[in-house]
Amino acid sequence: MFTGLVEGQGTVRILKEEPDGLRLTIAPDSNCFSPSNVSIGDSISICGCCLTAVKIAEDGIDFEAGEETLSKTSLGDFNVGTRVNLERSLSVGARLGGHFVQGHVDGVATVDVIDRSGEWVNMWFKVSGEMTRLMVPKGSIAVDGISLTLVNVEADRFSVALIPHTLDVTTLGDRAVGQRVNIEQDILGKYVAKLMSREGGISPWDFVNGNTDQKRNGI
């Protein structure tokens, strides 16, 4: 579990194709966490994708990404030199700060519009209509592992407002139109959608009025 508050950035140093996926070595920046602060088996969010540290050296951390991960995320777009957002998993008792992020990417979006207003940026992302179904204005969204607040939601795209700090400390400051990013939707919205999609579905008003048991029993 993560918070979506990126600890820093790193650089892809090595990419090695393997029979069942990809092995990558990532070197965290000096102002990010050190490889010495990571143990083998730790979960690290890499641009929003939860991967397991499998080898640790002074100059980098090794991870493995399988075919499923590569098909559902932007990790297949990585090259040597690609910059990535990094976050270690949430410690029990630590401040949440952002929102609950699992590191389970729902799909990818494409940068559609970058609207600059002084030091601020309003950025639009193109996604499938199926993904926007779970998005609401002022709700939470994770973009490349960054916890952000949705501003506008349309049928096949959404926007977020990026402050100068976010642009400085994450990869979104360097994103260009047409590039792909990882998207993870708010887990609360997923559970609500699951409940409402059940046969004889339960509406939010059923929860408010305490009618969930009657609904389940077909009353």
N, C-alpha and C. Protein backbone atom coordinates (compact mmCIF):
# COMPACT_ATOMS: atom_id res chain seq x y z
N MET A 1 0.84 -1.18 0.00
CA MET A 1 0.00 0.00 0.00
C MET A 1 0.88 1.24 0.00
N PHE A 2 0.47 2.24 -0.80
CA PHE A 2 1.24 3.48 -0.92
C PHE A 2 0.32 4.67 -0.65
N THR A 3 0.90 5.87 -0.66
CA THR A 3 0.12 7.08 -0.42
C THR A 3 -0.03 7.94 -1.67
N GLY A 4 0.82 7.71 -2.68
CA GLY A 4 0.81 8.59 -3.84
C GLY A 4 1.63 9.85 -3.63
N LEU A 5 2.33 9.94 -2.48
CA LEU A 5 3.25 11.05 -2.25
C LEU A 5 4.65 10.58 -2.63
N VAL A 6 5.06 10.93 -3.82
CA VAL A 6 6.33 10.46 -4.38
C VAL A 6 7.49 10.92 -3.51
N GLU A 7 8.40 9.97 -3.20
CA GLU A 7 9.56 10.32 -2.37
C GLU A 7 10.67 10.97 -3.19
N GLY A 8 10.70 10.68 -4.46
CA GLY A 8 11.73 11.24 -5.32
C GLY A 8 11.71 10.53 -6.67
N GLN A 9 12.72 10.80 -7.45
CA GLN A 9 12.81 10.19 -8.77
C GLN A 9 14.06 9.32 -8.87
N GLY A 10 14.08 8.51 -9.91
CA GLY A 10 15.23 7.69 -10.19
C GLY A 10 15.38 7.54 -11.69
N THR A 11 16.42 6.85 -12.10
CA THR A 11 16.71 6.66 -13.52
C THR A 11 16.88 5.18 -13.83
N VAL A 12 16.28 4.75 -14.93
CA VAL A 12 16.46 3.38 -15.39
C VAL A 12 17.89 3.24 -15.91
N ARG A 13 18.69 2.38 -15.28
CA ARG A 13 20.08 2.19 -15.67
C ARG A 13 20.26 1.03 -16.64
N ILE A 14 19.53 -0.06 -16.38
CA ILE A 14 19.70 -1.27 -17.18
C ILE A 14 18.32 -1.87 -17.47
N LEU A 15 18.13 -2.32 -18.70
CA LEU A 15 16.94 -3.07 -19.09
C LEU A 15 17.41 -4.38 -19.71
N LYS A 16 16.85 -5.47 -19.23
CA LYS A 16 17.25 -6.78 -19.75
C LYS A 16 16.01 -7.62 -19.99
N GLU A 17 15.80 -8.00 -21.25
CA GLU A 17 14.66 -8.85 -21.57
C GLU A 17 14.90 -10.27 -21.05
N GLU A 18 13.84 -10.85 -20.47
CA GLU A 18 13.89 -12.20 -19.97
C GLU A 18 12.78 -13.01 -20.62
N PRO A 19 12.82 -14.34 -20.55
CA PRO A 19 11.81 -15.16 -21.23
C PRO A 19 10.37 -14.80 -20.87
N ASP A 20 10.14 -14.42 -19.61
CA ASP A 20 8.78 -14.14 -19.17
C ASP A 20 8.54 -12.68 -18.82
N GLY A 21 9.41 -11.80 -19.27
CA GLY A 21 9.19 -10.40 -18.93
C GLY A 21 10.45 -9.56 -19.08
N LEU A 22 10.65 -8.68 -18.11
CA LEU A 22 11.71 -7.69 -18.19
C LEU A 22 12.34 -7.51 -16.82
N ARG A 23 13.66 -7.43 -16.79
CA ARG A 23 14.38 -7.09 -15.56
C ARG A 23 14.94 -5.69 -15.73
N LEU A 24 14.73 -4.85 -14.72
CA LEU A 24 15.21 -3.48 -14.82
C LEU A 24 15.94 -3.07 -13.55
N THR A 25 16.98 -2.29 -13.75
CA THR A 25 17.75 -1.74 -12.64
C THR A 25 17.50 -0.24 -12.58
N ILE A 26 17.09 0.23 -11.40
CA ILE A 26 16.76 1.64 -11.22
C ILE A 26 17.67 2.24 -10.15
N ALA A 27 18.26 3.39 -10.46
CA ALA A 27 19.12 4.10 -9.52
C ALA A 27 18.36 5.30 -8.97
N PRO A 28 17.99 5.29 -7.67
CA PRO A 28 17.33 6.46 -7.08
C PRO A 28 18.26 7.67 -7.07
N ASP A 29 17.69 8.86 -7.24
CA ASP A 29 18.48 10.08 -7.14
C ASP A 29 19.05 10.23 -5.73
N SER A 30 20.08 11.07 -5.59
CA SER A 30 20.72 11.25 -4.29
C SER A 30 19.78 11.87 -3.26
N ASN A 31 18.78 12.65 -3.72
CA ASN A 31 17.83 13.26 -2.79
C ASN A 31 16.59 12.40 -2.57
N CYS A 32 16.60 11.18 -3.14
CA CYS A 32 15.54 10.20 -2.90
C CYS A 32 16.07 9.22 -1.84
N PHE A 33 15.37 8.13 -1.59
CA PHE A 33 15.88 7.15 -0.64
C PHE A 33 17.06 6.40 -1.25
N SER A 34 17.94 5.92 -0.39
CA SER A 34 19.13 5.18 -0.85
C SER A 34 18.79 3.70 -1.00
N PRO A 35 19.47 2.99 -1.92
CA PRO A 35 19.29 1.54 -2.00
C PRO A 35 19.55 0.84 -0.66
N SER A 36 20.39 1.44 0.18
CA SER A 36 20.67 0.84 1.49
C SER A 36 19.47 0.89 2.42
N ASN A 37 18.48 1.72 2.08
CA ASN A 37 17.25 1.80 2.87
C ASN A 37 16.16 0.86 2.36
N VAL A 38 16.53 -0.03 1.43
CA VAL A 38 15.58 -0.98 0.85
C VAL A 38 16.11 -2.39 1.10
N SER A 39 15.19 -3.32 1.37
CA SER A 39 15.55 -4.72 1.57
C SER A 39 14.98 -5.56 0.44
N ILE A 40 15.62 -6.68 0.15
CA ILE A 40 15.09 -7.60 -0.85
C ILE A 40 13.70 -8.06 -0.42
N GLY A 41 12.76 -8.01 -1.35
CA GLY A 41 11.38 -8.35 -1.05
C GLY A 41 10.50 -7.15 -0.77
N ASP A 42 11.09 -5.97 -0.60
CA ASP A 42 10.30 -4.75 -0.37
C ASP A 42 9.51 -4.39 -1.62
N SER A 43 8.33 -3.80 -1.40
CA SER A 43 7.51 -3.31 -2.49
C SER A 43 7.83 -1.84 -2.74
N ILE A 44 8.09 -1.52 -3.99
CA ILE A 44 8.38 -0.14 -4.38
C ILE A 44 7.44 0.25 -5.52
N SER A 45 6.87 1.45 -5.41
CA SER A 45 6.04 1.98 -6.49
C SER A 45 6.94 2.65 -7.51
N ILE A 46 6.90 2.14 -8.74
CA ILE A 46 7.67 2.72 -9.84
C ILE A 46 6.68 3.29 -10.84
N CYS A 47 6.55 4.61 -10.85
CA CYS A 47 5.54 5.28 -11.68
C CYS A 47 4.16 4.65 -11.44
N GLY A 48 3.87 4.34 -10.17
CA GLY A 48 2.56 3.84 -9.80
C GLY A 48 2.40 2.35 -9.88
N CYS A 49 3.40 1.63 -10.35
CA CYS A 49 3.33 0.18 -10.49
C CYS A 49 4.12 -0.48 -9.35
N CYS A 50 3.47 -1.29 -8.55
CA CYS A 50 4.11 -1.95 -7.43
C CYS A 50 4.98 -3.10 -7.92
N LEU A 51 6.29 -3.00 -7.67
CA LEU A 51 7.23 -4.06 -8.03
C LEU A 51 8.04 -4.45 -6.80
N THR A 52 8.59 -5.66 -6.84
CA THR A 52 9.35 -6.20 -5.72
C THR A 52 10.85 -6.08 -5.98
N ALA A 53 11.57 -5.58 -4.98
CA ALA A 53 13.02 -5.49 -5.09
C ALA A 53 13.61 -6.89 -5.02
N VAL A 54 14.36 -7.29 -6.06
CA VAL A 54 14.92 -8.65 -6.11
C VAL A 54 16.44 -8.67 -5.94
N LYS A 55 17.07 -7.52 -6.11
CA LYS A 55 18.52 -7.42 -5.90
C LYS A 55 18.84 -5.97 -5.56
N ILE A 56 19.79 -5.80 -4.65
CA ILE A 56 20.15 -4.45 -4.21
C ILE A 56 21.66 -4.28 -4.28
N ALA A 57 22.08 -3.20 -4.91
CA ALA A 57 23.49 -2.85 -4.98
C ALA A 57 23.64 -1.39 -4.58
N GLU A 58 24.87 -0.93 -4.43
CA GLU A 58 25.08 0.45 -4.02
C GLU A 58 24.55 1.45 -5.04
N ASP A 59 24.56 1.04 -6.32
CA ASP A 59 24.19 1.99 -7.37
C ASP A 59 22.82 1.71 -8.00
N GLY A 60 22.05 0.79 -7.42
CA GLY A 60 20.74 0.55 -8.02
C GLY A 60 19.99 -0.61 -7.40
N ILE A 61 18.73 -0.70 -7.74
CA ILE A 61 17.83 -1.75 -7.25
C ILE A 61 17.25 -2.47 -8.45
N ASP A 62 17.25 -3.81 -8.41
CA ASP A 62 16.70 -4.61 -9.50
C ASP A 62 15.26 -5.02 -9.23
N PHE A 63 14.46 -4.99 -10.30
CA PHE A 63 13.06 -5.40 -10.25
C PHE A 63 12.77 -6.28 -11.46
N GLU A 64 11.71 -7.07 -11.36
CA GLU A 64 11.25 -7.88 -12.49
C GLU A 64 9.79 -7.56 -12.78
N ALA A 65 9.48 -7.38 -14.05
CA ALA A 65 8.11 -7.11 -14.49
C ALA A 65 7.69 -8.19 -15.47
N GLY A 66 6.57 -8.87 -15.18
CA GLY A 66 6.09 -9.95 -16.03
C GLY A 66 5.28 -9.43 -17.21
N GLU A 67 4.86 -10.36 -18.06
CA GLU A 67 4.13 -9.99 -19.27
C GLU A 67 2.83 -9.26 -18.95
N GLU A 68 2.12 -9.71 -17.90
CA GLU A 68 0.86 -9.06 -17.52
C GLU A 68 1.11 -7.61 -17.14
N THR A 69 2.15 -7.37 -16.35
CA THR A 69 2.49 -6.00 -15.94
C THR A 69 2.84 -5.14 -17.15
N LEU A 70 3.64 -5.68 -18.05
CA LEU A 70 4.06 -4.92 -19.22
C LEU A 70 2.89 -4.60 -20.15
N SER A 71 1.88 -5.49 -20.19
CA SER A 71 0.74 -5.27 -21.08
C SER A 71 -0.26 -4.27 -20.51
N LYS A 72 -0.26 -4.06 -19.18
CA LYS A 72 -1.26 -3.19 -18.55
C LYS A 72 -0.70 -1.85 -18.10
N THR A 73 0.61 -1.66 -18.21
CA THR A 73 1.23 -0.44 -17.71
C THR A 73 2.14 0.17 -18.78
N SER A 74 2.73 1.29 -18.44
CA SER A 74 3.66 1.96 -19.36
C SER A 74 5.09 1.48 -19.20
N LEU A 75 5.33 0.48 -18.37
CA LEU A 75 6.70 0.02 -18.15
C LEU A 75 7.34 -0.50 -19.43
N GLY A 76 6.52 -0.99 -20.35
CA GLY A 76 7.06 -1.45 -21.63
C GLY A 76 7.61 -0.32 -22.49
N ASP A 77 7.28 0.94 -22.13
CA ASP A 77 7.79 2.10 -22.86
C ASP A 77 9.16 2.55 -22.34
N PHE A 78 9.60 1.98 -21.22
CA PHE A 78 10.84 2.44 -20.59
C PHE A 78 12.05 2.16 -21.48
N ASN A 79 13.01 3.06 -21.41
CA ASN A 79 14.32 2.90 -22.04
C ASN A 79 15.39 3.19 -21.01
N VAL A 80 16.63 2.84 -21.30
CA VAL A 80 17.73 3.24 -20.43
C VAL A 80 17.75 4.77 -20.40
N GLY A 81 17.73 5.33 -19.21
CA GLY A 81 17.69 6.78 -19.05
C GLY A 81 16.32 7.33 -18.71
N THR A 82 15.27 6.51 -18.82
CA THR A 82 13.92 6.96 -18.47
C THR A 82 13.87 7.36 -17.00
N ARG A 83 13.22 8.50 -16.74
CA ARG A 83 13.05 8.98 -15.37
C ARG A 83 11.75 8.42 -14.80
N VAL A 84 11.79 8.00 -13.52
CA VAL A 84 10.63 7.36 -12.90
C VAL A 84 10.38 7.95 -11.51
N ASN A 85 9.11 7.91 -11.10
CA ASN A 85 8.72 8.29 -9.74
C ASN A 85 8.87 7.08 -8.83
N LEU A 86 9.37 7.32 -7.62
CA LEU A 86 9.61 6.24 -6.67
C LEU A 86 8.95 6.53 -5.33
N GLU A 87 8.37 5.48 -4.73
CA GLU A 87 7.82 5.58 -3.38
C GLU A 87 7.89 4.21 -2.72
N ARG A 88 8.40 4.19 -1.49
CA ARG A 88 8.38 2.95 -0.72
C ARG A 88 6.99 2.75 -0.11
N SER A 89 6.69 1.52 0.27
CA SER A 89 5.35 1.22 0.80
C SER A 89 5.11 1.94 2.13
N LEU A 90 3.85 2.13 2.43
CA LEU A 90 3.42 2.88 3.61
C LEU A 90 3.71 2.09 4.88
N SER A 91 4.32 2.75 5.86
CA SER A 91 4.57 2.12 7.16
C SER A 91 3.36 2.30 8.07
N VAL A 92 3.08 1.28 8.88
CA VAL A 92 1.97 1.38 9.82
C VAL A 92 2.23 2.53 10.79
N GLY A 93 1.24 3.40 10.95
CA GLY A 93 1.37 4.54 11.85
C GLY A 93 1.89 5.79 11.18
N ALA A 94 2.33 5.69 9.91
CA ALA A 94 2.82 6.87 9.21
C ALA A 94 1.65 7.72 8.72
N ARG A 95 1.90 8.98 8.47
CA ARG A 95 0.87 9.86 7.93
C ARG A 95 0.52 9.42 6.51
N LEU A 96 -0.78 9.46 6.23
CA LEU A 96 -1.21 9.05 4.89
C LEU A 96 -0.92 10.14 3.86
N GLY A 97 -1.36 11.35 4.13
CA GLY A 97 -1.04 12.49 3.26
C GLY A 97 -1.80 12.51 1.95
N GLY A 98 -1.63 11.49 1.10
CA GLY A 98 -2.33 11.44 -0.19
C GLY A 98 -3.62 10.67 -0.07
N HIS A 99 -3.69 9.50 -0.72
CA HIS A 99 -4.83 8.60 -0.55
C HIS A 99 -4.31 7.17 -0.68
N PHE A 100 -5.15 6.19 -0.37
CA PHE A 100 -4.71 4.80 -0.44
C PHE A 100 -4.47 4.40 -1.89
N VAL A 101 -3.22 4.08 -2.20
CA VAL A 101 -2.82 3.66 -3.54
C VAL A 101 -2.23 2.26 -3.43
N GLN A 102 -2.76 1.31 -4.20
CA GLN A 102 -2.31 -0.07 -4.10
C GLN A 102 -1.09 -0.38 -4.96
N GLY A 103 -0.87 0.41 -5.99
CA GLY A 103 0.19 0.08 -6.93
C GLY A 103 -0.27 -0.93 -7.96
N HIS A 104 -1.59 -1.13 -8.04
CA HIS A 104 -2.19 -2.03 -9.04
C HIS A 104 -2.79 -1.17 -10.15
N VAL A 105 -2.05 -0.99 -11.20
CA VAL A 105 -2.43 -0.08 -12.28
C VAL A 105 -3.67 -0.60 -13.01
N ASP A 106 -4.66 0.27 -13.21
CA ASP A 106 -5.89 -0.10 -13.90
C ASP A 106 -5.75 -0.01 -15.42
N GLY A 107 -4.83 0.83 -15.87
CA GLY A 107 -4.64 1.01 -17.30
C GLY A 107 -3.77 2.22 -17.56
N VAL A 108 -3.59 2.54 -18.82
CA VAL A 108 -2.76 3.69 -19.18
C VAL A 108 -3.61 4.79 -19.79
N ALA A 109 -3.13 6.01 -19.66
CA ALA A 109 -3.74 7.18 -20.28
C ALA A 109 -2.69 7.87 -21.13
N THR A 110 -3.13 8.73 -22.01
CA THR A 110 -2.23 9.49 -22.87
C THR A 110 -2.36 10.96 -22.56
N VAL A 111 -1.25 11.65 -22.40
CA VAL A 111 -1.29 13.10 -22.18
C VAL A 111 -1.94 13.75 -23.39
N ASP A 112 -3.02 14.48 -23.15
CA ASP A 112 -3.82 15.05 -24.24
C ASP A 112 -3.57 16.55 -24.42
N VAL A 113 -3.57 17.29 -23.33
CA VAL A 113 -3.38 18.75 -23.39
C VAL A 113 -2.54 19.18 -22.19
N ILE A 114 -1.59 20.08 -22.43
CA ILE A 114 -0.82 20.69 -21.34
C ILE A 114 -1.06 22.19 -21.41
N ASP A 115 -1.87 22.68 -20.49
CA ASP A 115 -2.28 24.09 -20.48
C ASP A 115 -1.54 24.80 -19.36
N ARG A 116 -0.56 25.62 -19.74
CA ARG A 116 0.26 26.31 -18.74
C ARG A 116 -0.32 27.68 -18.40
N SER A 117 -0.35 27.96 -17.10
CA SER A 117 -0.81 29.25 -16.61
C SER A 117 0.19 29.72 -15.56
N GLY A 118 1.18 30.50 -15.99
CA GLY A 118 2.26 30.87 -15.10
C GLY A 118 3.07 29.65 -14.73
N GLU A 119 3.24 29.39 -13.43
CA GLU A 119 4.00 28.24 -12.97
C GLU A 119 3.11 27.01 -12.79
N TRP A 120 1.81 27.19 -12.94
CA TRP A 120 0.87 26.08 -12.79
C TRP A 120 0.61 25.43 -14.14
N VAL A 121 0.14 24.18 -14.10
CA VAL A 121 -0.23 23.46 -15.32
C VAL A 121 -1.55 22.74 -15.10
N ASN A 122 -2.46 22.91 -16.04
CA ASN A 122 -3.68 22.11 -16.07
C ASN A 122 -3.46 21.05 -17.15
N MET A 123 -3.39 19.79 -16.74
CA MET A 123 -3.04 18.72 -17.66
C MET A 123 -4.23 17.78 -17.88
N TRP A 124 -4.51 17.52 -19.17
CA TRP A 124 -5.60 16.61 -19.54
C TRP A 124 -5.03 15.28 -20.01
N PHE A 125 -5.74 14.21 -19.65
CA PHE A 125 -5.33 12.86 -20.03
C PHE A 125 -6.48 12.16 -20.74
N LYS A 126 -6.17 11.49 -21.83
CA LYS A 126 -7.15 10.74 -22.62
C LYS A 126 -7.19 9.31 -22.11
N VAL A 127 -8.40 8.81 -21.80
CA VAL A 127 -8.58 7.44 -21.32
C VAL A 127 -9.82 6.84 -21.96
N SER A 128 -10.07 5.57 -21.66
CA SER A 128 -11.27 4.92 -22.16
C SER A 128 -12.48 5.37 -21.33
N GLY A 129 -13.64 5.32 -21.94
CA GLY A 129 -14.86 5.68 -21.24
C GLY A 129 -15.14 4.78 -20.05
N GLU A 130 -14.67 3.55 -20.11
CA GLU A 130 -14.85 2.63 -18.99
C GLU A 130 -14.12 3.13 -17.76
N MET A 131 -12.97 3.78 -17.94
CA MET A 131 -12.20 4.26 -16.81
C MET A 131 -12.82 5.51 -16.19
N THR A 132 -13.36 6.40 -17.01
CA THR A 132 -13.94 7.62 -16.45
C THR A 132 -15.22 7.35 -15.67
N ARG A 133 -15.79 6.18 -15.85
CA ARG A 133 -17.02 5.83 -15.13
C ARG A 133 -16.82 5.88 -13.62
N LEU A 134 -15.59 5.62 -13.17
CA LEU A 134 -15.30 5.60 -11.75
C LEU A 134 -14.67 6.90 -11.25
N MET A 135 -14.62 7.93 -12.10
CA MET A 135 -14.00 9.19 -11.73
C MET A 135 -15.05 10.24 -11.43
N VAL A 136 -14.79 11.05 -10.40
CA VAL A 136 -15.69 12.15 -10.06
C VAL A 136 -14.86 13.40 -9.80
N PRO A 137 -15.34 14.59 -10.18
CA PRO A 137 -14.61 15.81 -9.88
C PRO A 137 -14.34 15.93 -8.38
N LYS A 138 -13.14 16.33 -8.05
CA LYS A 138 -12.64 16.46 -6.67
C LYS A 138 -12.39 15.12 -6.00
N GLY A 139 -12.49 14.03 -6.78
CA GLY A 139 -12.11 12.72 -6.28
C GLY A 139 -10.62 12.51 -6.44
N SER A 140 -10.14 11.36 -5.98
CA SER A 140 -8.71 11.06 -6.03
C SER A 140 -8.37 10.18 -7.22
N ILE A 141 -7.17 10.38 -7.75
CA ILE A 141 -6.65 9.58 -8.87
C ILE A 141 -5.13 9.49 -8.69
N ALA A 142 -4.55 8.36 -9.08
CA ALA A 142 -3.09 8.23 -9.08
C ALA A 142 -2.61 8.21 -10.52
N VAL A 143 -1.76 9.17 -10.87
CA VAL A 143 -1.19 9.28 -12.21
C VAL A 143 0.31 9.06 -12.10
N ASP A 144 0.80 7.98 -12.69
CA ASP A 144 2.22 7.61 -12.55
C ASP A 144 2.64 7.56 -11.08
N GLY A 145 1.70 7.09 -10.24
CA GLY A 145 2.00 6.94 -8.82
C GLY A 145 1.85 8.18 -7.99
N ILE A 146 1.35 9.27 -8.59
CA ILE A 146 1.21 10.54 -7.89
C ILE A 146 -0.25 10.73 -7.48
N SER A 147 -0.49 10.96 -6.21
CA SER A 147 -1.84 11.21 -5.72
C SER A 147 -2.28 12.62 -6.13
N LEU A 148 -3.35 12.68 -6.94
CA LEU A 148 -3.83 13.95 -7.45
C LEU A 148 -5.34 14.05 -7.28
N THR A 149 -5.84 15.29 -7.37
CA THR A 149 -7.28 15.54 -7.28
C THR A 149 -7.83 15.80 -8.67
N LEU A 150 -8.88 15.09 -9.03
CA LEU A 150 -9.53 15.31 -10.32
C LEU A 150 -10.20 16.68 -10.35
N VAL A 151 -10.02 17.39 -11.45
CA VAL A 151 -10.67 18.69 -11.62
C VAL A 151 -11.89 18.55 -12.51
N ASN A 152 -11.69 18.14 -13.75
CA ASN A 152 -12.79 17.92 -14.69
C ASN A 152 -12.78 16.48 -15.17
N VAL A 153 -13.97 15.93 -15.35
CA VAL A 153 -14.10 14.57 -15.87
C VAL A 153 -15.08 14.60 -17.03
N GLU A 154 -14.62 14.17 -18.21
CA GLU A 154 -15.47 14.09 -19.39
C GLU A 154 -15.60 12.62 -19.80
N ALA A 155 -16.28 12.37 -20.89
CA ALA A 155 -16.58 11.00 -21.30
C ALA A 155 -15.33 10.15 -21.51
N ASP A 156 -14.28 10.76 -22.08
CA ASP A 156 -13.08 9.97 -22.38
C ASP A 156 -11.79 10.69 -22.00
N ARG A 157 -11.88 11.63 -21.07
CA ARG A 157 -10.67 12.28 -20.60
C ARG A 157 -10.94 12.97 -19.26
N PHE A 158 -9.84 13.33 -18.58
CA PHE A 158 -9.97 14.02 -17.30
C PHE A 158 -8.80 14.99 -17.15
N SER A 159 -8.93 15.92 -16.22
CA SER A 159 -7.86 16.89 -16.00
C SER A 159 -7.49 16.96 -14.53
N VAL A 160 -6.24 17.37 -14.29
CA VAL A 160 -5.74 17.64 -12.94
C VAL A 160 -4.98 18.96 -12.98
N ALA A 161 -4.94 19.63 -11.84
CA ALA A 161 -4.19 20.88 -11.71
C ALA A 161 -2.88 20.58 -10.98
N LEU A 162 -1.76 20.95 -11.58
CA LEU A 162 -0.45 20.61 -11.04
C LEU A 162 0.24 21.86 -10.52
N ILE A 163 0.57 21.86 -9.24
CA ILE A 163 1.27 22.99 -8.64
C ILE A 163 2.76 22.91 -8.98
N PRO A 164 3.50 24.00 -8.83
CA PRO A 164 4.93 23.99 -9.16
C PRO A 164 5.71 22.90 -8.44
N HIS A 165 5.39 22.63 -7.17
CA HIS A 165 6.12 21.61 -6.42
C HIS A 165 5.98 20.25 -7.09
N THR A 166 4.76 19.88 -7.48
CA THR A 166 4.53 18.58 -8.13
C THR A 166 5.30 18.50 -9.44
N LEU A 167 5.31 19.59 -10.19
CA LEU A 167 6.04 19.62 -11.46
C LEU A 167 7.54 19.49 -11.25
N ASP A 168 8.04 20.01 -10.13
CA ASP A 168 9.47 19.97 -9.85
C ASP A 168 9.95 18.60 -9.37
N VAL A 169 9.15 17.92 -8.55
CA VAL A 169 9.64 16.72 -7.88
C VAL A 169 9.15 15.42 -8.51
N THR A 170 8.30 15.50 -9.52
CA THR A 170 7.82 14.28 -10.19
C THR A 170 8.09 14.36 -11.69
N THR A 171 7.83 13.26 -12.36
CA THR A 171 8.07 13.19 -13.80
C THR A 171 7.04 13.96 -14.61
N LEU A 172 5.93 14.38 -14.00
CA LEU A 172 4.91 15.09 -14.76
C LEU A 172 5.42 16.43 -15.30
N GLY A 173 6.43 16.98 -14.66
CA GLY A 173 7.01 18.22 -15.15
C GLY A 173 7.69 18.09 -16.49
N ASP A 174 8.03 16.85 -16.88
CA ASP A 174 8.72 16.60 -18.15
C ASP A 174 7.84 15.88 -19.17
N ARG A 175 6.60 15.62 -18.82
CA ARG A 175 5.73 14.89 -19.73
C ARG A 175 5.35 15.76 -20.94
N ALA A 176 5.18 15.10 -22.10
CA ALA A 176 4.79 15.78 -23.33
C ALA A 176 3.50 15.16 -23.86
N VAL A 177 2.79 15.93 -24.68
CA VAL A 177 1.56 15.43 -25.29
C VAL A 177 1.86 14.14 -26.07
N GLY A 178 1.02 13.13 -25.87
CA GLY A 178 1.19 11.86 -26.55
C GLY A 178 1.87 10.79 -25.72
N GLN A 179 2.53 11.18 -24.64
CA GLN A 179 3.19 10.19 -23.80
C GLN A 179 2.16 9.46 -22.94
N ARG A 180 2.50 8.22 -22.57
CA ARG A 180 1.59 7.40 -21.78
C ARG A 180 1.97 7.43 -20.30
N VAL A 181 0.94 7.37 -19.46
CA VAL A 181 1.13 7.35 -18.01
C VAL A 181 0.25 6.26 -17.42
N ASN A 182 0.63 5.79 -16.23
CA ASN A 182 -0.14 4.77 -15.53
C ASN A 182 -1.25 5.40 -14.69
N ILE A 183 -2.40 4.76 -14.70
CA ILE A 183 -3.55 5.26 -13.96
C ILE A 183 -4.05 4.20 -12.98
N GLU A 184 -4.22 4.61 -11.74
CA GLU A 184 -4.90 3.77 -10.75
C GLU A 184 -6.05 4.57 -10.15
N GLN A 185 -7.24 4.04 -10.24
CA GLN A 185 -8.41 4.73 -9.73
C GLN A 185 -8.59 4.47 -8.24
N ASP A 186 -9.39 5.30 -7.61
CA ASP A 186 -9.62 5.22 -6.17
C ASP A 186 -10.28 3.88 -5.82
N ILE A 187 -9.69 3.15 -4.88
CA ILE A 187 -10.20 1.84 -4.52
C ILE A 187 -11.62 1.91 -3.98
N LEU A 188 -11.99 3.02 -3.33
CA LEU A 188 -13.35 3.16 -2.80
C LEU A 188 -14.37 3.14 -3.93
N GLY A 189 -14.06 3.83 -5.01
CA GLY A 189 -14.96 3.85 -6.16
C GLY A 189 -15.12 2.46 -6.77
N LYS A 190 -14.06 1.65 -6.75
CA LYS A 190 -14.12 0.31 -7.30
C LYS A 190 -15.08 -0.57 -6.50
N TYR A 191 -15.01 -0.46 -5.17
CA TYR A 191 -15.90 -1.27 -4.34
C TYR A 191 -17.35 -0.85 -4.51
N VAL A 192 -17.60 0.46 -4.57
CA VAL A 192 -18.97 0.93 -4.77
C VAL A 192 -19.52 0.44 -6.10
N ALA A 193 -18.71 0.54 -7.16
CA ALA A 193 -19.14 0.08 -8.48
C ALA A 193 -19.44 -1.42 -8.47
N LYS A 194 -18.62 -2.19 -7.75
CA LYS A 194 -18.84 -3.63 -7.67
C LYS A 194 -20.16 -3.94 -6.99
N LEU A 195 -20.45 -3.25 -5.91
CA LEU A 195 -21.70 -3.48 -5.19
C LEU A 195 -22.91 -3.12 -6.04
N MET A 196 -22.80 -2.00 -6.75
CA MET A 196 -23.94 -1.52 -7.54
C MET A 196 -24.16 -2.34 -8.81
N SER A 197 -23.14 -3.10 -9.22
CA SER A 197 -23.28 -3.89 -10.44
C SER A 197 -23.81 -5.29 -10.18
N ARG A 198 -23.97 -5.64 -8.92
CA ARG A 198 -24.49 -6.96 -8.58
C ARG A 198 -25.94 -7.11 -9.04
N GLU A 199 -26.35 -8.32 -9.26
CA GLU A 199 -27.73 -8.58 -9.66
C GLU A 199 -28.67 -8.05 -8.57
N GLY A 200 -29.68 -7.29 -8.99
CA GLY A 200 -30.54 -6.63 -8.01
C GLY A 200 -29.75 -5.61 -7.23
N GLY A 201 -28.92 -4.84 -7.96
CA GLY A 201 -27.89 -3.98 -7.39
C GLY A 201 -28.38 -3.07 -6.28
N ILE A 202 -27.43 -2.68 -5.41
CA ILE A 202 -27.71 -1.82 -4.27
C ILE A 202 -27.30 -0.40 -4.64
N SER A 203 -28.18 0.54 -4.45
CA SER A 203 -27.86 1.92 -4.76
C SER A 203 -27.30 2.60 -3.52
N PRO A 204 -26.63 3.75 -3.68
CA PRO A 204 -26.15 4.49 -2.51
C PRO A 204 -27.26 4.82 -1.54
N TRP A 205 -28.47 5.08 -2.05
CA TRP A 205 -29.58 5.42 -1.16
C TRP A 205 -30.00 4.23 -0.30
N ASP A 206 -29.79 3.01 -0.79
CA ASP A 206 -30.08 1.83 0.03
C ASP A 206 -29.19 1.80 1.26
N PHE A 207 -27.92 2.21 1.10
CA PHE A 207 -27.03 2.26 2.25
C PHE A 207 -27.50 3.33 3.24
N VAL A 208 -27.88 4.48 2.71
CA VAL A 208 -28.33 5.57 3.57
C VAL A 208 -29.58 5.17 4.35
N ASN A 209 -30.52 4.48 3.68
CA ASN A 209 -31.80 4.14 4.30
C ASN A 209 -31.80 2.80 5.01
N GLY A 210 -30.65 2.09 4.97
CA GLY A 210 -30.57 0.82 5.65
C GLY A 210 -31.35 -0.29 4.99
N ASN A 211 -31.52 -0.24 3.66
CA ASN A 211 -32.32 -1.23 2.94
C ASN A 211 -31.50 -2.31 2.26
N THR A 212 -30.24 -2.45 2.63
CA THR A 212 -29.37 -3.38 1.92
C THR A 212 -29.82 -4.84 2.12
N ASP A 213 -30.27 -5.20 3.32
CA ASP A 213 -30.69 -6.57 3.56
C ASP A 213 -31.92 -6.93 2.74
N GLN A 214 -32.88 -6.00 2.65
CA GLN A 214 -34.08 -6.25 1.86
C GLN A 214 -33.73 -6.40 0.39
N LYS A 215 -32.80 -5.60 -0.10
CA LYS A 215 -32.39 -5.69 -1.50
C LYS A 215 -31.78 -7.04 -1.80
N ARG A 216 -30.92 -7.50 -0.88
CA ARG A 216 -30.27 -8.79 -1.10
C ARG A 216 -31.28 -9.93 -1.13
N ASN A 217 -32.35 -9.77 -0.35
CA ASN A 217 -33.36 -10.82 -0.27
C ASN A 217 -34.45 -10.66 -1.32
N GLY A 218 -34.27 -9.67 -2.22
CA GLY A 218 -35.23 -9.47 -3.29
C GLY A 218 -36.53 -8.83 -2.84
N ILE A 219 -36.53 -8.11 -1.72
CA ILE A 219 -37.74 -7.46 -1.21
C ILE A 219 -37.87 -6.07 -1.82
